[in-house]
Amino acid sequence: MIVLLLILQVLLVVALAPLVTGVVRKTKARLMRRRGPSLIQPYRDLARLLRKEPVVAHNASILFTAAPTFIFAATWTAAALVPTFFLNTELGVAADFITVVGILAAARFALALAGLDVGTAFGGLGASREMMIASVAEPAMLMLIFSLALVGGTTRLPDLALFVQSPTLGLHISLMLAFLGLAMIAVAENGRIPVDNAATHLELTMVHEAMVLEYSGRHLALIELAQSTKLLLYISLIAAVFVPWGSAPAGSDGLHYLFGFAFYLAKLAVGAVALGVFEVTIAKLRVFRVPQFIGVALMLGLLAALLRLVSQGL
């Protein structure tokens, strides 16, 4: 039963990822008084790209052609490790916060190398900006993980979820600060407004799009699917750590798993709608002000850790 549930979770995260992107786009369109695309439009776009042959530059190396597959596989693996509708304690040490961050860092590194491989100006520009953001985002993420480990006593995602679900938790200011910091990191890592705008190709604003301009066909489909899966991953991560209620514990009956699946869909919908509302109500930052935005998340993680240490001392 556990094996079947794990297989279902692996398939679920990649099947629902384009739908989450569709909900975000639909929410933004409605708030702008537009009809907007259909919720299933991302699936149509992926199907259209998968039918096309990729066009590869003559000076591209094997790194350029292999990077989309690696990026998608790494992102899919990281998303499968995050608890969704049930707490998958059977994964052991693999379902660890640090493991997920490390896998995502490897995917980011591969994407930056692919952007530099062809030697275009846009690819180098996007890769340099991506690494600038990563140099601040990764320390901020590690600080947030450290603060959560101080509160929960572990970095394993199922154990953190069980800790938050415990009735003796009480009020933890450190958890609130870590939640705000992780939400800011999620916005930055997914290239959403105010950090980046996936709907534009302007040289002065784009980061992620600059690195994938040379991709087309099946290669572009894998990268787009990986980006949607990454967005679902962060929403699932926030839900698993800070809003774990509704997730079925391991060993439950079928009804509990069904309710857990319904709660998980509701969490994804709330997260996608909240992201759409946030993007519409805030302006795009200048590129060189992005480290300041992520630096706030770093300070929130540091403050959460300090408050936890001080409260333990008292």
Protein backbone atom coordinates (compact mmCIF):
# COMPACT_ATOMS: atom_id res chain seq x y z
CA MET A 1 0.00 0.00 0.00
CA ILE A 2 2.79 2.44 0.89
CA VAL A 3 4.60 1.68 -2.37
CA LEU A 4 1.44 2.39 -4.36
CA LEU A 5 0.92 5.65 -2.49
CA LEU A 6 4.49 6.72 -3.16
CA ILE A 7 4.08 5.96 -6.87
CA LEU A 8 0.82 7.93 -6.87
CA GLN A 9 2.55 10.88 -5.22
CA VAL A 10 5.38 10.84 -7.77
CA LEU A 11 2.85 10.93 -10.62
CA LEU A 12 0.62 13.42 -8.84
CA VAL A 13 3.20 16.19 -8.48
CA VAL A 14 4.02 16.24 -12.18
CA ALA A 15 0.38 15.85 -13.26
CA LEU A 16 -0.89 18.76 -11.16
CA ALA A 17 2.04 21.11 -11.79
CA PRO A 18 0.70 22.66 -15.05
CA LEU A 19 -2.72 23.09 -13.42
CA VAL A 20 -1.18 25.17 -10.62
CA THR A 21 0.44 27.41 -13.24
CA GLY A 22 -2.91 27.70 -14.98
CA VAL A 23 -4.64 28.77 -11.76
CA VAL A 24 -2.02 31.49 -11.17
CA ARG A 25 -2.45 32.83 -14.71
CA LYS A 26 -6.24 32.71 -14.48
CA THR A 27 -6.23 34.55 -11.15
CA LYS A 28 -4.00 37.31 -12.50
CA ALA A 29 -6.16 37.68 -15.62
CA ARG A 30 -9.39 37.94 -13.62
CA LEU A 31 -7.93 40.57 -11.30
CA MET A 32 -6.89 42.56 -14.40
CA ARG A 33 -10.48 42.36 -15.72
CA ARG A 34 -9.48 39.99 -18.51
CA ARG A 35 -10.93 36.61 -19.41
CA GLY A 36 -7.54 34.96 -19.43
CA PRO A 37 -6.46 31.55 -20.73
CA SER A 38 -8.12 28.29 -19.78
CA LEU A 39 -6.93 26.44 -16.70
CA ILE A 40 -5.74 23.59 -18.92
CA GLN A 41 -3.88 25.87 -21.35
CA PRO A 42 -0.46 24.89 -19.86
CA TYR A 43 -1.21 21.26 -20.75
CA ARG A 44 -1.98 22.29 -24.33
CA ASP A 45 1.22 24.31 -24.54
CA LEU A 46 3.28 21.37 -23.31
CA ALA A 47 1.59 19.00 -25.76
CA ARG A 48 2.28 21.41 -28.62
CA LEU A 49 5.94 21.76 -27.68
CA LEU A 50 6.39 18.01 -27.27
CA ARG A 51 5.25 17.49 -30.87
CA LYS A 52 7.94 19.82 -32.22
CA GLU A 53 11.53 18.95 -33.00
CA PRO A 54 14.06 20.99 -31.01
CA VAL A 55 16.28 23.41 -32.89
CA VAL A 56 19.85 23.32 -31.53
CA ALA A 57 22.63 25.79 -32.30
CA HIS A 58 25.54 24.35 -34.29
CA ASN A 59 28.05 25.24 -31.55
CA ALA A 60 26.00 23.74 -28.70
CA SER A 61 27.63 20.94 -26.73
CA ILE A 62 26.05 17.86 -25.21
CA LEU A 63 25.55 19.87 -22.01
CA PHE A 64 23.00 22.07 -23.77
CA THR A 65 20.92 19.12 -25.00
CA ALA A 66 21.19 17.08 -21.79
CA ALA A 67 20.43 19.93 -19.38
CA PRO A 68 16.59 19.98 -19.87
CA THR A 69 16.29 16.28 -19.02
CA PHE A 70 18.50 16.65 -15.95
CA ILE A 71 16.68 19.79 -14.77
CA PHE A 72 13.28 18.15 -15.09
CA ALA A 73 14.43 14.90 -13.44
CA ALA A 74 16.05 16.75 -10.52
CA THR A 75 13.03 19.00 -9.96
CA TRP A 76 10.63 16.06 -10.20
CA THR A 77 12.72 14.09 -7.70
CA ALA A 78 12.78 16.98 -5.23
CA ALA A 79 9.01 17.50 -5.56
CA ALA A 80 8.38 13.78 -4.96
CA LEU A 81 10.25 13.98 -1.64
CA VAL A 82 7.92 16.64 -0.22
CA PRO A 83 4.85 15.25 1.63
CA THR A 84 1.62 15.95 -0.22
CA PHE A 85 -1.65 14.30 0.81
CA PHE A 86 -0.02 11.88 3.28
CA LEU A 87 3.08 11.92 5.46
CA ASN A 88 5.47 9.59 3.65
CA THR A 89 7.63 8.53 6.58
CA GLU A 90 8.81 5.50 4.58
CA LEU A 91 11.26 7.62 2.61
CA GLY A 92 13.47 7.91 5.70
CA VAL A 93 16.33 10.38 5.53
CA ALA A 94 15.63 11.14 1.86
CA ALA A 95 12.62 13.34 2.71
CA ASP A 96 14.87 15.97 4.24
CA PHE A 97 14.70 19.74 3.83
CA ILE A 98 18.42 20.00 3.08
CA THR A 99 18.19 17.22 0.47
CA VAL A 100 15.43 19.05 -1.39
CA VAL A 101 17.40 22.31 -1.37
CA GLY A 102 20.54 20.53 -2.61
CA ILE A 103 18.71 18.89 -5.52
CA LEU A 104 17.19 22.20 -6.56
CA ALA A 105 20.61 23.86 -6.38
CA ALA A 106 21.99 21.21 -8.76
CA ALA A 107 19.15 21.91 -11.21
CA ARG A 108 19.82 25.66 -11.02
CA PHE A 109 23.53 25.09 -11.68
CA ALA A 110 22.73 22.98 -14.76
CA LEU A 111 20.38 25.64 -16.10
CA ALA A 112 23.00 28.37 -15.66
CA LEU A 113 25.62 26.27 -17.46
CA ALA A 114 23.17 25.60 -20.30
CA GLY A 115 22.54 29.32 -20.62
CA LEU A 116 26.26 29.95 -20.97
CA ASP A 117 26.93 27.01 -23.31
CA VAL A 118 25.77 28.53 -26.60
CA GLY A 119 27.58 31.79 -25.92
CA THR A 120 24.75 34.23 -26.58
CA ALA A 121 24.56 37.57 -24.78
CA PHE A 122 21.14 36.86 -23.30
CA GLY A 123 22.21 33.47 -21.96
CA GLY A 124 25.20 34.93 -20.17
CA LEU A 125 23.12 37.80 -18.81
CA GLY A 126 20.47 35.46 -17.43
CA ALA A 127 23.02 33.05 -15.95
CA SER A 128 24.89 35.84 -14.15
CA ARG A 129 21.65 37.23 -12.72
CA GLU A 130 20.51 33.76 -11.67
CA MET A 131 23.75 33.15 -9.81
CA MET A 132 23.52 36.57 -8.17
CA ILE A 133 20.07 35.69 -6.85
CA ALA A 134 21.22 32.20 -5.81
CA SER A 135 24.18 33.60 -3.85
CA VAL A 136 21.67 35.29 -1.52
CA ALA A 137 18.73 32.89 -1.73
CA GLU A 138 20.63 29.73 -0.77
CA PRO A 139 22.13 31.17 2.48
CA ALA A 140 18.69 32.53 3.34
CA MET A 141 17.14 29.10 2.77
CA LEU A 142 19.79 27.40 4.92
CA MET A 143 19.20 29.92 7.71
CA LEU A 144 15.47 29.22 7.56
CA ILE A 145 16.17 25.47 7.72
CA PHE A 146 18.41 26.06 10.74
CA SER A 147 15.68 28.01 12.53
CA LEU A 148 13.10 25.30 11.77
CA ALA A 149 15.52 22.64 13.03
CA LEU A 150 15.90 24.57 16.28
CA VAL A 151 12.14 24.65 16.73
CA GLY A 152 11.25 21.15 15.56
CA GLY A 153 14.46 19.33 16.42
CA THR A 154 14.83 17.85 12.92
CA THR A 155 15.10 18.74 9.24
CA ARG A 156 13.01 15.79 8.03
CA LEU A 157 9.83 17.10 6.44
CA PRO A 158 7.38 14.44 7.78
CA ASP A 159 8.74 14.91 11.33
CA LEU A 160 8.39 18.69 11.05
CA ALA A 161 4.81 18.24 9.91
CA LEU A 162 4.05 15.93 12.84
CA PHE A 163 5.64 18.43 15.22
CA VAL A 164 3.48 21.30 13.94
CA GLN A 165 0.40 19.08 14.19
CA SER A 166 1.07 18.24 17.83
CA PRO A 167 -1.43 19.86 20.25
CA THR A 168 1.39 20.98 22.56
CA LEU A 169 2.99 23.21 19.97
CA GLY A 170 1.70 26.53 21.25
CA LEU A 171 2.54 29.90 19.73
CA HIS A 172 5.97 30.12 18.10
CA ILE A 173 7.04 33.49 16.73
CA SER A 174 10.00 31.71 15.12
CA LEU A 175 7.64 29.63 12.99
CA MET A 176 5.80 32.74 11.81
CA LEU A 177 9.04 34.45 10.83
CA ALA A 178 10.25 31.30 9.07
CA PHE A 179 6.95 31.11 7.17
CA LEU A 180 7.33 34.69 5.89
CA GLY A 181 10.95 34.05 4.95
CA LEU A 182 10.17 30.83 3.09
CA ALA A 183 7.32 32.51 1.19
CA MET A 184 9.73 35.23 0.02
CA ILE A 185 12.31 32.63 -1.02
CA ALA A 186 9.61 30.72 -2.92
CA VAL A 187 8.74 33.86 -4.89
CA ALA A 188 12.40 34.47 -5.73
CA GLU A 189 13.25 30.86 -6.61
CA ASN A 190 10.31 30.58 -9.00
CA GLY A 191 11.10 33.83 -10.77
CA ARG A 192 7.79 35.49 -9.88
CA ILE A 193 7.04 39.18 -9.44
CA PRO A 194 8.66 41.23 -7.86
CA VAL A 195 11.87 39.27 -8.56
CA ASP A 196 11.23 38.27 -12.18
CA ASN A 197 8.39 38.34 -14.68
CA ALA A 198 7.90 35.16 -16.70
CA ALA A 199 5.54 36.94 -19.11
CA THR A 200 8.14 39.35 -20.49
CA HIS A 201 11.26 39.12 -22.63
CA LEU A 202 12.65 42.58 -21.94
CA GLU A 203 16.41 42.64 -21.54
CA LEU A 204 16.30 44.84 -18.44
CA THR A 205 13.94 42.58 -16.50
CA MET A 206 14.22 38.93 -17.50
CA VAL A 207 16.31 36.38 -15.59
CA HIS A 208 14.96 32.87 -16.12
CA GLU A 209 13.65 33.53 -19.62
CA ALA A 210 17.07 34.79 -20.75
CA MET A 211 18.64 31.39 -20.05
CA VAL A 212 16.04 29.41 -22.01
CA LEU A 213 15.65 31.64 -25.08
CA GLU A 214 17.70 29.20 -27.20
CA TYR A 215 15.53 26.20 -26.30
CA SER A 216 12.62 25.00 -28.38
CA GLY A 217 10.46 21.93 -28.96
CA ARG A 218 10.79 19.04 -26.52
CA HIS A 219 13.68 20.69 -24.70
CA LEU A 220 11.60 23.77 -23.92
CA ALA A 221 8.67 21.57 -22.85
CA LEU A 222 10.85 19.82 -20.26
CA ILE A 223 12.09 23.14 -18.89
CA GLU A 224 8.58 24.61 -18.72
CA LEU A 225 7.29 21.48 -16.97
CA ALA A 226 10.21 21.62 -14.54
CA GLN A 227 9.38 25.26 -13.76
CA SER A 228 5.74 24.38 -13.07
CA THR A 229 6.81 21.44 -10.92
CA LYS A 230 9.13 23.72 -8.95
CA LEU A 231 6.24 26.08 -8.22
CA LEU A 232 4.11 23.17 -6.99
CA LEU A 233 7.07 21.98 -4.92
CA TYR A 234 7.34 25.24 -2.99
CA ILE A 235 3.59 25.46 -2.38
CA SER A 236 3.65 21.84 -1.16
CA LEU A 237 6.70 22.60 0.99
CA ILE A 238 5.03 25.54 2.72
CA ALA A 239 1.85 23.51 3.19
CA ALA A 240 3.71 20.46 4.54
CA VAL A 241 5.77 22.41 7.09
CA PHE A 242 3.43 25.19 8.20
CA VAL A 243 -0.08 23.95 7.30
CA PRO A 244 0.19 20.15 7.63
CA TRP A 245 -3.34 19.64 8.92
CA GLY A 246 -5.43 17.38 6.72
CA SER A 247 -2.52 15.20 5.60
CA ALA A 248 -3.20 11.54 6.26
CA PRO A 249 -0.69 9.81 8.58
CA ALA A 250 1.06 6.69 7.35
CA GLY A 251 -0.99 3.54 7.86
CA SER A 252 -4.40 5.24 7.58
CA ASP A 253 -7.36 3.76 5.77
CA GLY A 254 -8.55 4.73 2.31
CA LEU A 255 -11.02 7.37 3.57
CA HIS A 256 -8.25 9.29 5.34
CA TYR A 257 -6.14 9.26 2.19
CA LEU A 258 -9.11 10.54 0.19
CA PHE A 259 -9.66 13.40 2.64
CA GLY A 260 -5.92 14.11 2.60
CA PHE A 261 -6.00 14.36 -1.19
CA ALA A 262 -8.94 16.78 -1.05
CA PHE A 263 -7.16 18.94 1.54
CA TYR A 264 -4.00 18.91 -0.59
CA LEU A 265 -5.89 20.13 -3.66
CA ALA A 266 -7.42 22.90 -1.54
CA LYS A 267 -3.96 23.96 -0.29
CA LEU A 268 -2.61 24.07 -3.85
CA ALA A 269 -5.57 26.17 -4.97
CA VAL A 270 -5.19 28.61 -2.08
CA GLY A 271 -1.44 28.91 -2.67
CA ALA A 272 -1.85 29.48 -6.41
CA VAL A 273 -4.59 32.09 -5.93
CA ALA A 274 -2.58 33.86 -3.22
CA LEU A 275 0.44 34.02 -5.54
CA GLY A 276 -1.68 35.46 -8.35
CA VAL A 277 -3.12 38.13 -6.05
CA PHE A 278 0.34 38.98 -4.73
CA GLU A 279 1.79 39.37 -8.22
CA VAL A 280 -0.99 41.70 -9.33
CA THR A 281 -0.76 43.94 -6.27
CA ILE A 282 3.01 44.47 -6.27
CA ALA A 283 5.42 46.09 -8.72
CA LYS A 284 8.46 44.52 -10.35
CA LEU A 285 11.74 45.33 -8.60
CA ARG A 286 14.85 46.47 -10.40
CA VAL A 287 17.30 43.59 -10.83
CA PHE A 288 19.92 45.03 -8.52
CA ARG A 289 17.38 45.51 -5.74
CA VAL A 290 16.46 41.82 -5.73
CA PRO A 291 19.26 40.90 -3.25
CA GLN A 292 17.73 43.38 -0.82
CA PHE A 293 14.38 41.62 -1.12
CA ILE A 294 15.94 38.21 -0.49
CA GLY A 295 18.10 39.70 2.25
CA VAL A 296 14.91 40.38 4.20
CA ALA A 297 14.21 36.64 4.12
CA LEU A 298 17.75 36.00 5.39
CA MET A 299 17.19 38.44 8.26
CA LEU A 300 13.86 36.79 9.08
CA GLY A 301 15.57 33.40 9.30
CA LEU A 302 18.33 34.83 11.49
CA LEU A 303 15.79 36.55 13.73
CA ALA A 304 13.76 33.33 14.02
CA ALA A 305 16.87 31.40 15.08
CA LEU A 306 17.88 34.07 17.62
CA LEU A 307 14.41 34.20 19.15
CA ARG A 308 14.38 30.42 19.50
CA LEU A 309 17.79 30.40 21.17
CA VAL A 310 16.80 33.21 23.53
CA SER A 311 13.52 31.52 24.45
CA GLN A 312 15.37 28.27 25.19
CA GLY A 313 17.78 30.16 27.41
CA LEU A 314 14.92 31.67 29.38
